[in-house]
Amino acid sequence: HFGYRPSNLSGGIGGKIFEEYAAYTSAEIGELLPERCVVDGTLVELRIWKNAPNLWQVAYVSKGEPFIVHHSYAEHTESESRGRMVIWLKEQKLI
């Protein structure tokens, strides 16, 4: 389950109620990403690579050379890029 879940814990620091969030590893998030899916009627496949000095690119691309990027995210960590892609796939009802 992704997202926000209010905690029933009270007390703690200054009597505040804490919020809990799922904390998945990059590998766990990666298992949620399908290797292939259909985006806008086109069969695409997952590609992950490190861009520039500090950006991780996660993209769904069509086959061929050069490949065509159909949807992608580039973030400073691989986990963040993968996580954003999982959220997008869920919003598009592709997973």
N, C-alpha and C. Protein backbone atom coordinates (compact mmCIF):
# COMPACT_ATOMS: atom_id res chain seq x y z
N HIS A 1 0.85 -1.18 0.00
CA HIS A 1 0.00 0.00 0.00
C HIS A 1 0.88 1.24 0.00
N PHE A 2 0.68 2.11 -0.97
CA PHE A 2 1.47 3.34 -1.05
C PHE A 2 0.70 4.46 -0.40
N GLY A 3 1.43 5.43 0.09
CA GLY A 3 0.80 6.67 0.49
C GLY A 3 0.71 6.89 1.98
N TYR A 4 -0.14 7.80 2.34
CA TYR A 4 -0.30 8.32 3.69
C TYR A 4 -1.17 7.40 4.53
N ARG A 5 -0.75 7.18 5.75
CA ARG A 5 -1.55 6.44 6.71
C ARG A 5 -1.38 7.11 8.06
N PRO A 6 -2.43 7.76 8.58
CA PRO A 6 -2.27 8.41 9.88
C PRO A 6 -2.02 7.37 10.96
N SER A 7 -1.20 7.72 11.91
CA SER A 7 -0.88 6.82 13.00
C SER A 7 -1.82 7.06 14.17
N ASN A 8 -2.10 6.02 14.91
CA ASN A 8 -2.91 6.15 16.11
C ASN A 8 -2.04 6.43 17.33
N LEU A 9 -0.74 6.54 17.11
CA LEU A 9 0.17 6.76 18.21
C LEU A 9 0.11 8.22 18.66
N SER A 10 -0.12 8.41 19.91
CA SER A 10 -0.02 9.77 20.45
C SER A 10 1.05 9.74 21.51
N GLY A 11 1.35 10.83 22.06
CA GLY A 11 2.46 10.89 22.99
C GLY A 11 3.69 11.29 22.23
N GLY A 12 4.71 10.50 22.31
CA GLY A 12 5.92 10.79 21.55
C GLY A 12 6.50 12.14 21.92
N ILE A 13 7.07 12.78 20.97
CA ILE A 13 7.73 14.06 21.20
C ILE A 13 6.70 15.17 21.29
N GLY A 14 6.59 15.77 22.42
CA GLY A 14 5.67 16.89 22.60
C GLY A 14 4.21 16.51 22.44
N GLY A 15 3.85 15.23 22.58
CA GLY A 15 2.47 14.81 22.48
C GLY A 15 1.90 14.85 21.07
N LYS A 16 2.76 14.96 20.05
CA LYS A 16 2.30 15.06 18.66
C LYS A 16 1.88 13.70 18.13
N ILE A 17 0.93 13.71 17.21
CA ILE A 17 0.54 12.50 16.49
C ILE A 17 1.44 12.38 15.29
N PHE A 18 1.98 11.19 15.07
CA PHE A 18 2.92 10.97 13.99
C PHE A 18 2.23 10.42 12.75
N GLU A 19 2.81 10.67 11.61
CA GLU A 19 2.35 10.12 10.35
C GLU A 19 3.33 9.07 9.90
N GLU A 20 2.82 7.99 9.29
CA GLU A 20 3.69 6.92 8.81
C GLU A 20 3.59 6.83 7.30
N TYR A 21 4.70 6.55 6.66
CA TYR A 21 4.76 6.39 5.22
C TYR A 21 5.50 5.11 4.89
N ALA A 22 5.07 4.45 3.82
CA ALA A 22 5.79 3.27 3.37
C ALA A 22 7.16 3.69 2.87
N ALA A 23 8.16 2.89 3.19
CA ALA A 23 9.52 3.20 2.74
C ALA A 23 10.07 1.97 2.02
N TYR A 24 9.87 1.94 0.72
CA TYR A 24 10.33 0.83 -0.09
C TYR A 24 11.75 1.07 -0.57
N THR A 25 12.50 0.00 -0.77
CA THR A 25 13.82 0.12 -1.38
C THR A 25 13.67 0.25 -2.88
N SER A 26 14.74 0.66 -3.55
CA SER A 26 14.73 0.77 -5.00
C SER A 26 14.40 -0.58 -5.63
N ALA A 27 14.94 -1.66 -5.08
CA ALA A 27 14.68 -3.00 -5.62
C ALA A 27 13.22 -3.39 -5.46
N GLU A 28 12.62 -3.09 -4.30
CA GLU A 28 11.21 -3.41 -4.08
C GLU A 28 10.31 -2.63 -5.04
N ILE A 29 10.63 -1.37 -5.23
CA ILE A 29 9.85 -0.56 -6.17
C ILE A 29 10.03 -1.10 -7.58
N GLY A 30 11.26 -1.48 -7.90
CA GLY A 30 11.55 -2.03 -9.23
C GLY A 30 10.73 -3.27 -9.55
N GLU A 31 10.45 -4.09 -8.54
CA GLU A 31 9.64 -5.28 -8.77
C GLU A 31 8.20 -4.93 -9.15
N LEU A 32 7.76 -3.74 -8.80
CA LEU A 32 6.41 -3.30 -9.16
C LEU A 32 6.32 -2.80 -10.60
N LEU A 33 7.47 -2.47 -11.19
CA LEU A 33 7.48 -1.94 -12.56
C LEU A 33 7.45 -3.08 -13.57
N PRO A 34 6.43 -3.13 -14.43
CA PRO A 34 6.42 -4.17 -15.45
C PRO A 34 7.52 -3.94 -16.48
N GLU A 35 8.10 -5.03 -16.98
CA GLU A 35 9.14 -4.91 -18.00
C GLU A 35 8.58 -4.35 -19.29
N ARG A 36 7.32 -4.70 -19.57
CA ARG A 36 6.64 -4.21 -20.79
C ARG A 36 5.20 -3.85 -20.43
N CYS A 37 4.67 -2.86 -21.12
CA CYS A 37 3.26 -2.51 -20.99
C CYS A 37 2.85 -1.75 -22.25
N VAL A 38 1.57 -1.45 -22.35
CA VAL A 38 1.05 -0.71 -23.50
C VAL A 38 0.71 0.70 -23.04
N VAL A 39 1.34 1.69 -23.67
CA VAL A 39 1.10 3.10 -23.38
C VAL A 39 0.60 3.75 -24.66
N ASP A 40 -0.59 4.33 -24.58
CA ASP A 40 -1.19 5.00 -25.74
C ASP A 40 -1.21 4.09 -26.97
N GLY A 41 -1.52 2.81 -26.75
CA GLY A 41 -1.64 1.87 -27.85
C GLY A 41 -0.32 1.33 -28.39
N THR A 42 0.80 1.67 -27.75
CA THR A 42 2.11 1.22 -28.20
C THR A 42 2.75 0.32 -27.15
N LEU A 43 3.27 -0.83 -27.57
CA LEU A 43 4.00 -1.71 -26.67
C LEU A 43 5.35 -1.06 -26.36
N VAL A 44 5.62 -0.85 -25.08
CA VAL A 44 6.86 -0.20 -24.66
C VAL A 44 7.56 -1.08 -23.63
N GLU A 45 8.87 -0.85 -23.47
CA GLU A 45 9.62 -1.61 -22.48
C GLU A 45 10.36 -0.67 -21.55
N LEU A 46 10.62 -1.17 -20.35
CA LEU A 46 11.27 -0.40 -19.30
C LEU A 46 12.77 -0.29 -19.56
N ARG A 47 13.29 0.92 -19.39
CA ARG A 47 14.75 1.14 -19.44
C ARG A 47 15.11 2.05 -18.27
N ILE A 48 16.23 1.73 -17.62
CA ILE A 48 16.72 2.53 -16.49
C ILE A 48 18.21 2.78 -16.72
N TRP A 49 18.61 4.04 -16.63
CA TRP A 49 20.03 4.37 -16.79
C TRP A 49 20.36 5.63 -16.02
N LYS A 50 21.65 5.85 -15.81
CA LYS A 50 22.11 7.05 -15.12
C LYS A 50 22.45 8.10 -16.17
N ASN A 51 21.82 9.25 -16.04
CA ASN A 51 21.99 10.37 -16.96
C ASN A 51 22.92 11.40 -16.33
N ALA A 52 23.55 12.19 -17.16
CA ALA A 52 24.37 13.31 -16.65
C ALA A 52 25.16 12.85 -15.44
N PRO A 53 25.60 13.76 -14.60
CA PRO A 53 26.37 13.28 -13.46
C PRO A 53 25.51 12.70 -12.34
N ASN A 54 24.33 13.25 -12.12
CA ASN A 54 23.58 12.86 -10.92
C ASN A 54 22.10 12.60 -11.14
N LEU A 55 21.69 12.15 -12.31
CA LEU A 55 20.27 11.89 -12.55
C LEU A 55 20.04 10.44 -12.98
N TRP A 56 19.05 9.82 -12.39
CA TRP A 56 18.63 8.48 -12.78
C TRP A 56 17.39 8.61 -13.65
N GLN A 57 17.43 8.03 -14.82
CA GLN A 57 16.32 8.08 -15.78
C GLN A 57 15.60 6.73 -15.76
N VAL A 58 14.29 6.78 -15.57
CA VAL A 58 13.43 5.60 -15.67
C VAL A 58 12.42 5.92 -16.76
N ALA A 59 12.37 5.08 -17.79
CA ALA A 59 11.53 5.41 -18.95
C ALA A 59 10.90 4.16 -19.54
N TYR A 60 9.77 4.37 -20.18
CA TYR A 60 9.17 3.35 -21.04
C TYR A 60 9.39 3.82 -22.47
N VAL A 61 10.04 2.96 -23.25
CA VAL A 61 10.43 3.33 -24.60
C VAL A 61 9.94 2.27 -25.59
N SER A 62 9.75 2.71 -26.84
CA SER A 62 9.41 1.75 -27.89
C SER A 62 10.70 1.19 -28.47
N LYS A 63 10.60 -0.01 -29.01
CA LYS A 63 11.79 -0.66 -29.57
C LYS A 63 12.27 0.08 -30.81
N GLY A 64 13.51 -0.16 -31.13
CA GLY A 64 14.08 0.44 -32.32
C GLY A 64 15.28 1.30 -31.98
N GLU A 65 16.00 1.66 -32.98
CA GLU A 65 17.15 2.54 -32.81
C GLU A 65 16.99 3.72 -33.76
N PRO A 66 16.90 4.93 -33.29
CA PRO A 66 16.87 5.25 -31.87
C PRO A 66 15.50 4.92 -31.28
N PHE A 67 15.47 4.61 -30.00
CA PHE A 67 14.19 4.32 -29.35
C PHE A 67 13.43 5.62 -29.09
N ILE A 68 12.12 5.49 -28.96
CA ILE A 68 11.27 6.65 -28.69
C ILE A 68 10.79 6.56 -27.25
N VAL A 69 11.02 7.62 -26.47
CA VAL A 69 10.59 7.66 -25.08
C VAL A 69 9.11 8.03 -25.04
N HIS A 70 8.31 7.17 -24.39
CA HIS A 70 6.88 7.44 -24.26
C HIS A 70 6.53 8.08 -22.92
N HIS A 71 7.27 7.75 -21.89
CA HIS A 71 7.06 8.39 -20.59
C HIS A 71 8.32 8.16 -19.76
N SER A 72 8.78 9.19 -19.05
CA SER A 72 10.00 9.02 -18.26
C SER A 72 10.05 9.98 -17.08
N TYR A 73 10.91 9.64 -16.14
CA TYR A 73 11.23 10.50 -15.00
C TYR A 73 12.73 10.51 -14.83
N ALA A 74 13.29 11.63 -14.47
CA ALA A 74 14.71 11.76 -14.16
C ALA A 74 14.83 12.45 -12.81
N GLU A 75 15.38 11.74 -11.85
CA GLU A 75 15.51 12.26 -10.48
C GLU A 75 16.93 11.99 -9.97
N HIS A 76 17.24 12.54 -8.81
CA HIS A 76 18.59 12.41 -8.26
C HIS A 76 18.88 11.03 -7.69
N THR A 77 17.84 10.27 -7.35
CA THR A 77 18.05 8.90 -6.88
C THR A 77 17.25 7.94 -7.74
N GLU A 78 17.78 6.74 -7.86
CA GLU A 78 17.08 5.71 -8.63
C GLU A 78 15.73 5.39 -7.98
N SER A 79 15.69 5.33 -6.66
CA SER A 79 14.44 5.04 -5.96
C SER A 79 13.37 6.08 -6.25
N GLU A 80 13.76 7.33 -6.27
CA GLU A 80 12.79 8.40 -6.53
C GLU A 80 12.23 8.30 -7.95
N SER A 81 13.10 8.04 -8.92
CA SER A 81 12.64 7.88 -10.30
C SER A 81 11.71 6.69 -10.45
N ARG A 82 12.11 5.56 -9.86
CA ARG A 82 11.26 4.37 -9.92
C ARG A 82 9.92 4.61 -9.22
N GLY A 83 9.97 5.26 -8.07
CA GLY A 83 8.75 5.53 -7.32
C GLY A 83 7.78 6.41 -8.08
N ARG A 84 8.30 7.45 -8.70
CA ARG A 84 7.42 8.33 -9.49
C ARG A 84 6.79 7.58 -10.65
N MET A 85 7.56 6.66 -11.27
CA MET A 85 7.01 5.88 -12.37
C MET A 85 5.92 4.94 -11.88
N VAL A 86 6.11 4.32 -10.71
CA VAL A 86 5.08 3.45 -10.16
C VAL A 86 3.80 4.24 -9.91
N ILE A 87 3.92 5.42 -9.35
CA ILE A 87 2.75 6.26 -9.11
C ILE A 87 2.05 6.59 -10.42
N TRP A 88 2.81 6.97 -11.44
CA TRP A 88 2.21 7.28 -12.74
C TRP A 88 1.49 6.07 -13.32
N LEU A 89 2.13 4.89 -13.26
CA LEU A 89 1.50 3.68 -13.78
C LEU A 89 0.19 3.38 -13.06
N LYS A 90 0.19 3.56 -11.72
CA LYS A 90 -1.05 3.34 -10.96
C LYS A 90 -2.12 4.36 -11.36
N GLU A 91 -1.75 5.62 -11.52
CA GLU A 91 -2.71 6.65 -11.92
C GLU A 91 -3.30 6.37 -13.30
N GLN A 92 -2.50 5.78 -14.19
CA GLN A 92 -2.95 5.45 -15.54
C GLN A 92 -3.66 4.10 -15.60
N LYS A 93 -3.74 3.44 -14.43
CA LYS A 93 -4.36 2.11 -14.31
C LYS A 93 -3.64 1.07 -15.19
N LEU A 94 -2.32 1.20 -15.27
CA LEU A 94 -1.50 0.25 -16.03
C LEU A 94 -0.94 -0.85 -15.13
N ILE A 95 -0.99 -0.62 -13.82
CA ILE A 95 -0.65 -1.68 -12.84
C ILE A 95 -1.69 -1.65 -11.74
